Protein backbone atom coordinates (compact mmCIF):
# COMPACT_ATOMS: atom_id res chain seq x y z
CA UNK A 1 125.02 -178.46 99.92
CA UNK A 2 125.53 -175.33 102.01
CA UNK A 3 127.97 -172.88 100.51
CA UNK A 4 131.26 -172.42 102.34
CA UNK A 5 131.84 -168.90 103.61
CA UNK A 6 134.72 -167.12 105.25
CA UNK A 7 134.87 -163.81 107.09
CA UNK A 8 137.73 -161.40 106.39
CA UNK A 9 138.74 -158.22 108.22
CA UNK A 10 137.13 -154.98 107.14
CA UNK A 11 139.04 -151.80 106.37
CA UNK A 12 139.89 -151.07 109.97
CA UNK A 13 141.47 -154.56 110.15
CA UNK A 14 139.42 -155.27 113.30
CA UNK A 15 135.77 -155.85 112.48
CA UNK A 16 134.28 -158.18 109.89
CA UNK A 17 132.54 -156.73 106.84
CA UNK A 18 128.78 -157.03 106.56
CA UNK A 19 129.02 -159.55 103.73
CA UNK A 20 130.87 -162.85 104.02
CA UNK A 21 132.97 -164.33 101.26
CA UNK A 22 131.43 -167.12 99.19
CA UNK A 23 134.23 -169.60 98.48
CA UNK A 24 132.11 -171.70 96.08
CA UNK A 25 131.38 -168.86 93.68
CA UNK A 26 134.11 -167.89 91.18
CA UNK A 27 135.75 -164.53 91.79
CA UNK A 28 137.37 -162.57 88.92
CA UNK A 29 140.41 -161.64 91.04
CA UNK A 30 141.04 -165.29 91.91
CA UNK A 31 140.47 -166.43 88.31
CA UNK A 32 143.03 -163.85 87.19
CA UNK A 33 145.41 -164.91 89.96
CA UNK A 34 145.19 -168.53 88.84
CA UNK A 35 145.77 -167.71 85.18
CA UNK A 36 148.86 -165.59 85.85
CA UNK A 37 150.36 -168.33 88.01
CA UNK A 38 149.36 -167.17 91.48
CA UNK A 39 148.47 -169.39 94.44
CA UNK A 40 145.41 -167.68 95.88
CA UNK A 41 142.38 -169.39 94.34
CA UNK A 42 139.81 -172.10 95.02
CA UNK A 43 138.27 -174.97 93.07
CA UNK A 44 135.40 -172.83 91.76
CA UNK A 45 137.88 -170.28 90.42
CA UNK A 46 139.99 -172.92 88.69
CA UNK A 47 136.88 -174.47 87.12
CA UNK A 48 135.78 -171.08 85.79
CA UNK A 49 139.31 -170.41 84.50
CA UNK A 50 139.32 -173.73 82.64
CA UNK A 51 135.96 -172.87 81.06
CA UNK A 52 137.37 -169.49 80.04
CA UNK A 53 140.37 -171.21 78.46
CA UNK A 54 138.07 -173.50 76.47
CA UNK A 55 136.27 -170.44 75.12
CA UNK A 56 139.44 -168.36 74.65
CA UNK A 57 142.46 -170.70 74.44
CA UNK A 58 144.85 -167.74 74.67
CA UNK A 59 143.22 -166.26 77.78
CA UNK A 60 146.12 -167.25 80.06
CA UNK A 61 148.56 -165.51 77.72
CA UNK A 62 146.26 -162.47 77.52
CA UNK A 63 146.23 -162.02 81.28
CA UNK A 64 149.97 -162.50 81.62
CA UNK A 65 150.56 -160.01 78.80
CA UNK A 66 148.22 -157.56 80.52
CA UNK A 67 150.38 -157.92 83.62
CA UNK A 68 153.46 -157.26 81.51
CA UNK A 69 151.82 -154.14 80.04
CA UNK A 70 151.13 -152.80 83.53
CA UNK A 71 154.75 -153.43 84.48
CA UNK A 72 155.99 -151.44 81.46
CA UNK A 73 153.50 -148.62 82.07
CA UNK A 74 154.38 -148.27 85.76
CA UNK A 75 158.08 -148.33 84.90
CA UNK A 76 157.52 -145.65 82.24
CA UNK A 77 155.75 -143.46 84.81
CA UNK A 78 158.52 -143.94 87.38
CA UNK A 79 161.24 -143.22 84.84
CA UNK A 80 159.36 -140.03 83.90
CA UNK A 81 159.70 -138.89 87.50
CA UNK A 82 156.37 -139.97 88.98
CA UNK A 83 156.81 -141.24 92.54
CA UNK A 84 153.16 -141.46 93.66
CA UNK A 85 150.98 -144.37 92.54
CA UNK A 86 147.27 -144.93 93.20
CA UNK A 87 146.48 -148.51 92.13
CA UNK A 88 142.72 -149.14 92.17
CA UNK A 89 141.30 -152.61 91.69
CA UNK A 90 144.72 -153.99 92.40
CA UNK A 91 143.67 -157.64 92.62
CA UNK A 92 145.34 -160.35 94.67
CA UNK A 93 149.09 -159.64 94.97
CA UNK A 94 151.35 -161.53 92.59
CA UNK A 95 154.92 -161.02 91.36
CA UNK A 96 155.38 -157.64 89.71
CA UNK A 97 153.22 -155.54 92.02
CA UNK A 98 153.18 -151.78 91.41
CA UNK A 99 155.43 -150.89 94.33
CA UNK A 100 157.99 -153.53 93.31
CA UNK A 101 158.27 -152.05 89.82
CA UNK A 102 158.14 -148.39 90.83
CA UNK A 103 160.84 -148.62 93.48
CA UNK A 104 163.34 -149.91 90.90
CA UNK A 105 163.38 -146.45 89.30
CA UNK A 106 162.14 -144.37 92.23
CA UNK A 107 163.35 -145.61 95.63
CA UNK A 108 161.16 -142.91 97.17
CA UNK A 109 158.01 -144.31 95.55
CA UNK A 110 154.78 -144.21 97.55
CA UNK A 111 151.88 -146.48 96.65
CA UNK A 112 148.28 -146.78 97.79
CA UNK A 113 146.50 -149.96 96.80
CA UNK A 114 142.70 -149.84 96.66
CA UNK A 115 140.23 -152.67 96.25
CA UNK A 116 136.67 -153.18 97.39
CA UNK A 117 137.04 -156.91 97.96
CA UNK A 118 137.97 -157.89 101.55
CA UNK A 119 139.92 -160.95 100.39
CA UNK A 120 142.12 -158.84 98.13
CA UNK A 121 142.63 -156.26 100.88
CA UNK A 122 143.65 -158.94 103.37
CA UNK A 123 146.23 -160.40 100.98
CA UNK A 124 147.55 -156.95 100.09
CA UNK A 125 147.96 -155.96 103.74
CA UNK A 126 149.89 -159.17 104.38
CA UNK A 127 152.16 -158.34 101.45
CA UNK A 128 153.10 -154.87 102.67
CA UNK A 129 153.48 -155.75 106.35
CA UNK A 130 157.23 -156.37 106.10
CA UNK A 131 160.26 -154.38 107.27
CA UNK A 132 161.93 -152.45 104.49
CA UNK A 133 158.75 -152.16 102.43
CA UNK A 134 158.51 -148.78 100.67
CA UNK A 135 155.82 -146.37 101.83
CA UNK A 136 152.75 -148.42 100.92
CA UNK A 137 149.17 -148.40 102.16
CA UNK A 138 146.16 -150.61 101.46
CA UNK A 139 142.61 -149.28 101.45
CA UNK A 140 139.27 -151.03 101.15
CA UNK A 141 137.15 -148.72 98.97
CA UNK A 142 135.06 -148.78 95.81
CA UNK A 143 135.96 -147.20 92.47
CA UNK A 144 132.25 -146.54 92.00
CA UNK A 145 132.34 -144.10 94.92
CA UNK A 146 135.21 -141.77 93.99
CA UNK A 147 134.25 -139.13 96.56
CA UNK A 148 134.69 -141.54 99.48
CA UNK A 149 137.84 -142.97 97.93
CA UNK A 150 139.48 -139.55 97.54
CA UNK A 151 138.47 -138.56 101.07
CA UNK A 152 140.09 -141.62 102.67
CA UNK A 153 143.20 -140.71 104.64
CA UNK A 154 145.74 -142.85 102.70
CA UNK A 155 144.64 -141.33 99.38
CA UNK A 156 144.36 -137.78 100.73
CA UNK A 157 147.89 -138.09 102.13
CA UNK A 158 149.21 -139.44 98.83
CA UNK A 159 147.76 -136.51 96.89
CA UNK A 160 148.37 -133.87 99.54
CA UNK A 161 151.84 -132.74 98.51
CA UNK A 162 150.77 -131.87 94.95
CA UNK A 163 153.21 -134.24 93.25
CA UNK A 164 152.14 -135.98 90.01
CA UNK A 165 150.40 -139.31 90.56
CA UNK A 166 150.03 -142.37 88.35
CA UNK A 167 146.44 -143.60 88.55
CA UNK A 168 146.57 -147.31 87.73
CA UNK A 169 143.32 -148.94 86.60
CA UNK A 170 144.48 -152.31 85.36
CA UNK A 171 141.75 -154.72 84.25
CA UNK A 172 139.19 -153.19 86.60
CA UNK A 173 136.98 -150.79 84.62
CA UNK A 174 135.37 -153.64 82.68
CA UNK A 175 133.91 -154.80 86.01
CA UNK A 176 132.05 -151.49 86.40
CA UNK A 177 128.63 -151.41 84.71
CA UNK A 178 127.70 -148.46 82.52
CA UNK A 179 124.90 -147.72 84.98
CA UNK A 180 127.58 -146.95 87.59
CA UNK A 181 129.08 -144.27 85.31
CA UNK A 182 132.71 -145.42 85.14
CA UNK A 183 133.73 -142.50 82.88
CA UNK A 184 132.44 -139.99 85.42
CA UNK A 185 134.25 -141.86 88.20
CA UNK A 186 137.56 -141.72 86.34
CA UNK A 187 137.11 -138.00 85.60
CA UNK A 188 136.49 -137.34 89.28
CA UNK A 189 139.58 -139.31 90.30
CA UNK A 190 141.69 -137.34 87.84
CA UNK A 191 140.42 -133.93 88.97
CA UNK A 192 142.69 -133.45 92.02
CA UNK A 193 145.79 -134.90 90.34
CA UNK A 194 148.61 -132.51 89.49
CA UNK A 195 149.69 -131.78 85.90
CA UNK A 196 152.08 -134.47 84.73
CA UNK A 197 150.01 -137.17 86.40
CA UNK A 198 149.33 -140.31 84.37
CA UNK A 199 146.35 -142.58 83.78
CA UNK A 200 147.19 -146.22 83.10
CA UNK A 201 144.28 -148.35 81.82
CA UNK A 202 143.85 -151.87 80.51
CA UNK A 203 140.38 -153.00 79.50
CA UNK A 204 138.59 -155.88 77.79
CA UNK A 205 137.37 -154.79 74.34
CA UNK A 206 134.83 -156.60 72.16
CA UNK A 207 134.60 -154.20 69.20
CA UNK A 208 137.70 -152.69 67.58
CA UNK A 209 139.83 -152.88 64.45
CA UNK A 210 141.58 -155.92 65.91
CA UNK A 211 138.42 -157.93 66.73
CA UNK A 212 136.46 -159.88 64.13
CA UNK A 213 132.91 -161.27 64.16
CA UNK A 214 133.98 -164.64 65.60
CA UNK A 215 135.83 -162.83 68.41
CA UNK A 216 132.70 -160.84 69.20
CA UNK A 217 130.67 -164.06 69.51
CA UNK A 218 133.26 -165.49 71.91
CA UNK A 219 133.22 -162.24 73.89
CA UNK A 220 129.47 -162.71 74.39
CA UNK A 221 130.12 -166.20 75.77
CA UNK A 222 132.81 -164.90 78.12
CA UNK A 223 130.47 -162.16 79.33
CA UNK A 224 127.86 -164.85 80.07
CA UNK A 225 130.46 -166.88 81.97
CA UNK A 226 131.29 -163.91 84.20
CA UNK A 227 127.62 -163.49 85.10
CA UNK A 228 128.19 -166.50 87.37
CA UNK A 229 131.04 -164.76 89.20
CA UNK A 230 131.02 -162.13 91.92
CA UNK A 231 131.54 -159.28 89.43
CA UNK A 232 129.90 -159.08 86.02
CA UNK A 233 132.00 -158.30 82.96
CA UNK A 234 131.27 -155.28 80.75
CA UNK A 235 133.47 -155.31 77.63
CA UNK A 236 133.47 -151.98 75.76
CA UNK A 237 134.09 -150.71 72.27
CA UNK A 238 137.54 -149.22 71.65
CA UNK A 239 136.06 -145.70 71.39
CA UNK A 240 134.44 -146.01 74.81
CA UNK A 241 137.72 -147.17 76.33
CA UNK A 242 139.61 -144.31 74.71
CA UNK A 243 137.00 -141.96 76.22
CA UNK A 244 138.53 -142.63 79.65
CA UNK A 245 141.51 -140.58 78.42
CA UNK A 246 139.42 -137.54 77.43
CA UNK A 247 141.37 -134.35 78.12
CA UNK A 248 144.67 -136.22 78.51
CA UNK A 249 147.56 -136.59 76.09
CA UNK A 250 147.54 -140.24 75.04
CA UNK A 251 151.12 -141.47 74.82
CA UNK A 252 152.27 -143.32 71.70
CA UNK A 253 151.35 -145.85 70.46
CA UNK A 254 147.89 -144.91 71.77
CA UNK A 255 145.24 -147.43 72.80
CA UNK A 256 146.45 -150.76 71.43
CA UNK A 257 146.50 -154.47 72.31
CA UNK A 258 148.38 -154.71 75.61
CA UNK A 259 151.22 -156.71 74.12
CA UNK A 260 151.95 -153.93 71.61
CA UNK A 261 152.21 -151.05 74.08
CA UNK A 262 155.87 -149.97 74.32
CA UNK A 263 156.97 -153.41 73.12
CA UNK A 264 157.62 -155.34 69.93
CA UNK A 265 154.90 -157.97 70.08
CA UNK A 266 154.93 -161.25 68.22
CA UNK A 267 151.97 -162.28 66.07
CA UNK A 268 150.82 -164.72 68.76
CA UNK A 269 151.07 -162.02 71.46
CA UNK A 270 149.05 -159.61 69.36
CA UNK A 271 146.44 -162.29 68.76
CA UNK A 272 146.27 -163.10 72.48
CA UNK A 273 145.61 -159.46 73.42
CA UNK A 274 143.46 -158.37 70.46
CA UNK A 275 140.55 -158.10 72.89
CA UNK A 276 142.57 -156.63 75.78
CA UNK A 277 143.60 -153.04 75.13
CA UNK A 278 145.99 -150.83 77.08
CA UNK A 279 146.93 -147.18 77.06
CA UNK A 280 148.60 -144.42 79.08
CA UNK A 281 147.58 -140.76 79.18
CA UNK A 282 149.27 -137.71 80.72
CA UNK A 283 147.39 -134.86 82.38
CA UNK A 284 148.27 -131.42 81.01
């Protein structure tokens, strides 16, 4: 059977990108969207999500708790006075988007959403194309090319006034292979940010004090499952995730299961996020 494909607008919202979208191959953003209760997914994504749930029964809770962590971290940044947010690897919009949280504490909040996937960009542009929406832009760009990302007009404008920025990298770095040097990319993205800027990261972890041998075996199975999707999964050890915060002041409680960051987590919530760590750092 021939695979179904769809063409989505490229970054200029006029021309089609060079690659078409394969609707019969699972996509991590759509799997995530399905598991957190979104509506933007296809049969292949739901099938992959069900397989993931068989391997990790608490995976739906883990992804929802990751979303809740990002909400708390963005709110913490906004309450600390940050009004600029650069959200990279934003995923398909769902309730609790960065601009919706930030504007509650900072009505003057400005947000740039970045994703390399044309489907995500199309959905994000539809979300922000409404009267009364706070200053929000959507950019199609790749985290693995930080130079081009920083040079893009929406990002350059966001950083241009020298105000602190919250760099949000929620559940995206584990889709960047080590060969693509994700630590170097994050360092480059942090370079132009003013003191007081924040780095918000959540990341799949397969080796840490919270993960046992059985968990590691399941992580290998999950990694194999994601080889069939558009983006391969690269879980990392806790030390390698903490290395993204090198040179920053890591806010208490440090790098911990997402459910435990700035919240009193239940035993079941801690168990659900034992392999999904979150942390927030501040640039000196």
